[in-house]
């Protein structure tokens, strides 16, 4: 196919060729240069399966998210009395030999 000398993009639509994936949102952020250098290093080394800057940033945010949830859950558990309802069953199970042969 030959390239035309000129193309008319007046009626073109941005993003019409590749539709964005569902569940993904494009955002623009500014990061410190040393943070970007670290991210790029992670991608270059494929550290922990890193394949892109987005993958590294997503993984880091998901870790922080899980950490925040763990802190929240620990605070909830710390403010409630211990539930001993299953203690006797657990003690019995620990004393009972397993017959799985």
C-alpha atoms as a PDB file:
ATOM      1  CA  UNK A   1       0.000   0.000   0.000  1.00  0.00           C
ATOM      2  CA  UNK A   2       1.397   3.372  -1.007  1.00  0.00           C
ATOM      3  CA  UNK A   3       1.549   6.284   1.391  1.00  0.00           C
ATOM      4  CA  UNK A   4      -0.418   9.319   0.337  1.00  0.00           C
ATOM      5  CA  UNK A   5       1.360  12.629   0.075  1.00  0.00           C
ATOM      6  CA  UNK A   6      -1.169  14.186   2.482  1.00  0.00           C
ATOM      7  CA  UNK A   7      -3.792  12.909   4.872  1.00  0.00           C
ATOM      8  CA  UNK A   8      -6.897  14.724   6.138  1.00  0.00           C
ATOM      9  CA  UNK A   9      -7.404  14.175   9.881  1.00  0.00           C
ATOM     10  CA  UNK A  10     -10.157  16.763  10.357  1.00  0.00           C
ATOM     11  CA  UNK A  11     -12.821  14.106  10.854  1.00  0.00           C
ATOM     12  CA  UNK A  12     -10.581  11.708  12.765  1.00  0.00           C
ATOM     13  CA  UNK A  13     -11.282  10.621  16.330  1.00  0.00           C
ATOM     14  CA  UNK A  14      -8.580  10.116  18.931  1.00  0.00           C
ATOM     15  CA  UNK A  15      -8.460   6.583  20.308  1.00  0.00           C
ATOM     16  CA  UNK A  16     -10.735   5.170  17.613  1.00  0.00           C
ATOM     17  CA  UNK A  17      -8.237   2.463  16.617  1.00  0.00           C
ATOM     18  CA  UNK A  18      -7.458   0.895  19.999  1.00  0.00           C
ATOM     19  CA  UNK A  19     -10.209   0.886  22.577  1.00  0.00           C
ATOM     20  CA  UNK A  20      -9.112   1.244  26.215  1.00  0.00           C
ATOM     21  CA  UNK A  21      -9.279  -1.934  28.286  1.00  0.00           C
ATOM     22  CA  UNK A  22     -12.136  -2.214  30.754  1.00  0.00           C
ATOM     23  CA  UNK A  23     -11.062  -1.820  34.342  1.00  0.00           C
ATOM     24  CA  UNK A  24      -8.070   0.337  33.438  1.00  0.00           C
ATOM     25  CA  UNK A  25      -7.837   4.113  33.779  1.00  0.00           C
ATOM     26  CA  UNK A  26      -5.074   6.208  32.325  1.00  0.00           C
ATOM     27  CA  UNK A  27      -3.686   8.760  34.771  1.00  0.00           C
ATOM     28  CA  UNK A  28      -0.827  11.213  34.546  1.00  0.00           C
ATOM     29  CA  UNK A  29       1.387  11.693  37.597  1.00  0.00           C
ATOM     30  CA  UNK A  30       4.715  13.343  38.309  1.00  0.00           C
ATOM     31  CA  UNK A  31       7.297  11.318  40.193  1.00  0.00           C
ATOM     32  CA  UNK A  32      10.697  12.243  41.558  1.00  0.00           C
ATOM     33  CA  UNK A  33      13.564  11.407  39.209  1.00  0.00           C
ATOM     34  CA  UNK A  34      15.080   8.905  41.643  1.00  0.00           C
ATOM     35  CA  UNK A  35      11.751   7.077  41.899  1.00  0.00           C
ATOM     36  CA  UNK A  36      11.497   6.873  38.099  1.00  0.00           C
ATOM     37  CA  UNK A  37      15.089   5.606  37.933  1.00  0.00           C
ATOM     38  CA  UNK A  38      14.233   2.876  40.440  1.00  0.00           C
ATOM     39  CA  UNK A  39      11.105   1.901  38.496  1.00  0.00           C
ATOM     40  CA  UNK A  40      13.075   1.788  35.250  1.00  0.00           C
ATOM     41  CA  UNK A  41      15.711  -0.397  36.930  1.00  0.00           C
ATOM     42  CA  UNK A  42      13.014  -2.795  38.109  1.00  0.00           C
ATOM     43  CA  UNK A  43      11.643  -3.029  34.567  1.00  0.00           C
ATOM     44  CA  UNK A  44      15.092  -3.482  33.006  1.00  0.00           C
ATOM     45  CA  UNK A  45      15.900  -6.307  35.431  1.00  0.00           C
ATOM     46  CA  UNK A  46      12.393  -7.795  35.189  1.00  0.00           C
ATOM     47  CA  UNK A  47      12.436  -7.704  38.991  1.00  0.00           C
ATOM     48  CA  UNK A  48       9.521  -9.716  40.401  1.00  0.00           C
ATOM     49  CA  UNK A  49       8.154 -10.086  36.874  1.00  0.00           C
ATOM     50  CA  UNK A  50       8.076  -6.358  36.143  1.00  0.00           C
ATOM     51  CA  UNK A  51       7.293  -5.808  32.473  1.00  0.00           C
ATOM     52  CA  UNK A  52       6.440  -2.111  32.474  1.00  0.00           C
ATOM     53  CA  UNK A  53       6.452   1.022  34.573  1.00  0.00           C
ATOM     54  CA  UNK A  54       2.715   0.582  35.059  1.00  0.00           C
ATOM     55  CA  UNK A  55       3.241  -2.948  36.376  1.00  0.00           C
ATOM     56  CA  UNK A  56       5.815  -1.772  38.939  1.00  0.00           C
ATOM     57  CA  UNK A  57       3.658   1.126  40.141  1.00  0.00           C
ATOM     58  CA  UNK A  58       0.527  -1.046  40.274  1.00  0.00           C
ATOM     59  CA  UNK A  59       2.353  -3.730  42.274  1.00  0.00           C
ATOM     60  CA  UNK A  60       3.650  -1.132  44.760  1.00  0.00           C
ATOM     61  CA  UNK A  61       0.223   0.444  45.219  1.00  0.00           C
ATOM     62  CA  UNK A  62      -1.424  -2.959  45.667  1.00  0.00           C
ATOM     63  CA  UNK A  63       1.145  -3.835  48.360  1.00  0.00           C
ATOM     64  CA  UNK A  64       0.407  -0.575  50.160  1.00  0.00           C
ATOM     65  CA  UNK A  65      -3.314  -1.244  49.828  1.00  0.00           C
ATOM     66  CA  UNK A  66      -2.925  -4.736  51.371  1.00  0.00           C
ATOM     67  CA  UNK A  67      -0.752  -3.281  54.158  1.00  0.00           C
ATOM     68  CA  UNK A  68      -3.404  -0.654  54.965  1.00  0.00           C
ATOM     69  CA  UNK A  69      -6.096  -3.354  55.040  1.00  0.00           C
ATOM     70  CA  UNK A  70      -3.970  -5.504  57.354  1.00  0.00           C
ATOM     71  CA  UNK A  71      -3.490  -2.563  59.735  1.00  0.00           C
ATOM     72  CA  UNK A  72      -7.248  -1.907  59.676  1.00  0.00           C
ATOM     73  CA  UNK A  73      -8.012  -5.588  60.330  1.00  0.00           C
ATOM     74  CA  UNK A  74      -5.476  -5.752  63.177  1.00  0.00           C
ATOM     75  CA  UNK A  75      -7.082  -2.705  64.801  1.00  0.00           C
ATOM     76  CA  UNK A  76     -10.535  -4.285  64.511  1.00  0.00           C
ATOM     77  CA  UNK A  77      -9.301  -7.535  66.078  1.00  0.00           C
ATOM     78  CA  UNK A  78      -7.466  -5.676  68.850  1.00  0.00           C
ATOM     79  CA  UNK A  79     -10.676  -3.906  69.881  1.00  0.00           C
ATOM     80  CA  UNK A  80     -12.773  -7.063  70.178  1.00  0.00           C
ATOM     81  CA  UNK A  81     -12.593  -9.710  72.886  1.00  0.00           C
ATOM     82  CA  UNK A  82     -11.063 -13.033  71.972  1.00  0.00           C
ATOM     83  CA  UNK A  83     -13.482 -15.576  70.551  1.00  0.00           C
ATOM     84  CA  UNK A  84     -12.807 -18.876  72.294  1.00  0.00           C
ATOM     85  CA  UNK A  85     -15.731 -20.761  70.780  1.00  0.00           C
ATOM     86  CA  UNK A  86     -13.514 -23.026  68.673  1.00  0.00           C
ATOM     87  CA  UNK A  87     -10.650 -23.468  71.169  1.00  0.00           C
ATOM     88  CA  UNK A  88     -11.927 -26.840  72.474  1.00  0.00           C
ATOM     89  CA  UNK A  89     -12.415 -28.157  68.938  1.00  0.00           C
ATOM     90  CA  UNK A  90      -8.911 -27.047  67.933  1.00  0.00           C
ATOM     91  CA  UNK A  91      -7.400 -28.706  71.034  1.00  0.00           C
ATOM     92  CA  UNK A  92      -9.261 -31.930  70.270  1.00  0.00           C
ATOM     93  CA  UNK A  93      -8.127 -31.868  66.623  1.00  0.00           C
ATOM     94  CA  UNK A  94      -4.527 -31.315  67.732  1.00  0.00           C
ATOM     95  CA  UNK A  95      -4.672 -34.420  69.991  1.00  0.00           C
ATOM     96  CA  UNK A  96      -6.393 -36.647  67.441  1.00  0.00           C
ATOM     97  CA  UNK A  97      -4.059 -38.695  65.224  1.00  0.00           C
ATOM     98  CA  UNK A  98      -4.785 -38.436  61.532  1.00  0.00           C
ATOM     99  CA  UNK A  99      -5.697 -41.683  59.799  1.00  0.00           C
ATOM    100  CA  UNK A 100      -5.048 -40.742  56.187  1.00  0.00           C
ATOM    101  CA  UNK A 101      -3.047 -43.770  55.067  1.00  0.00           C
END
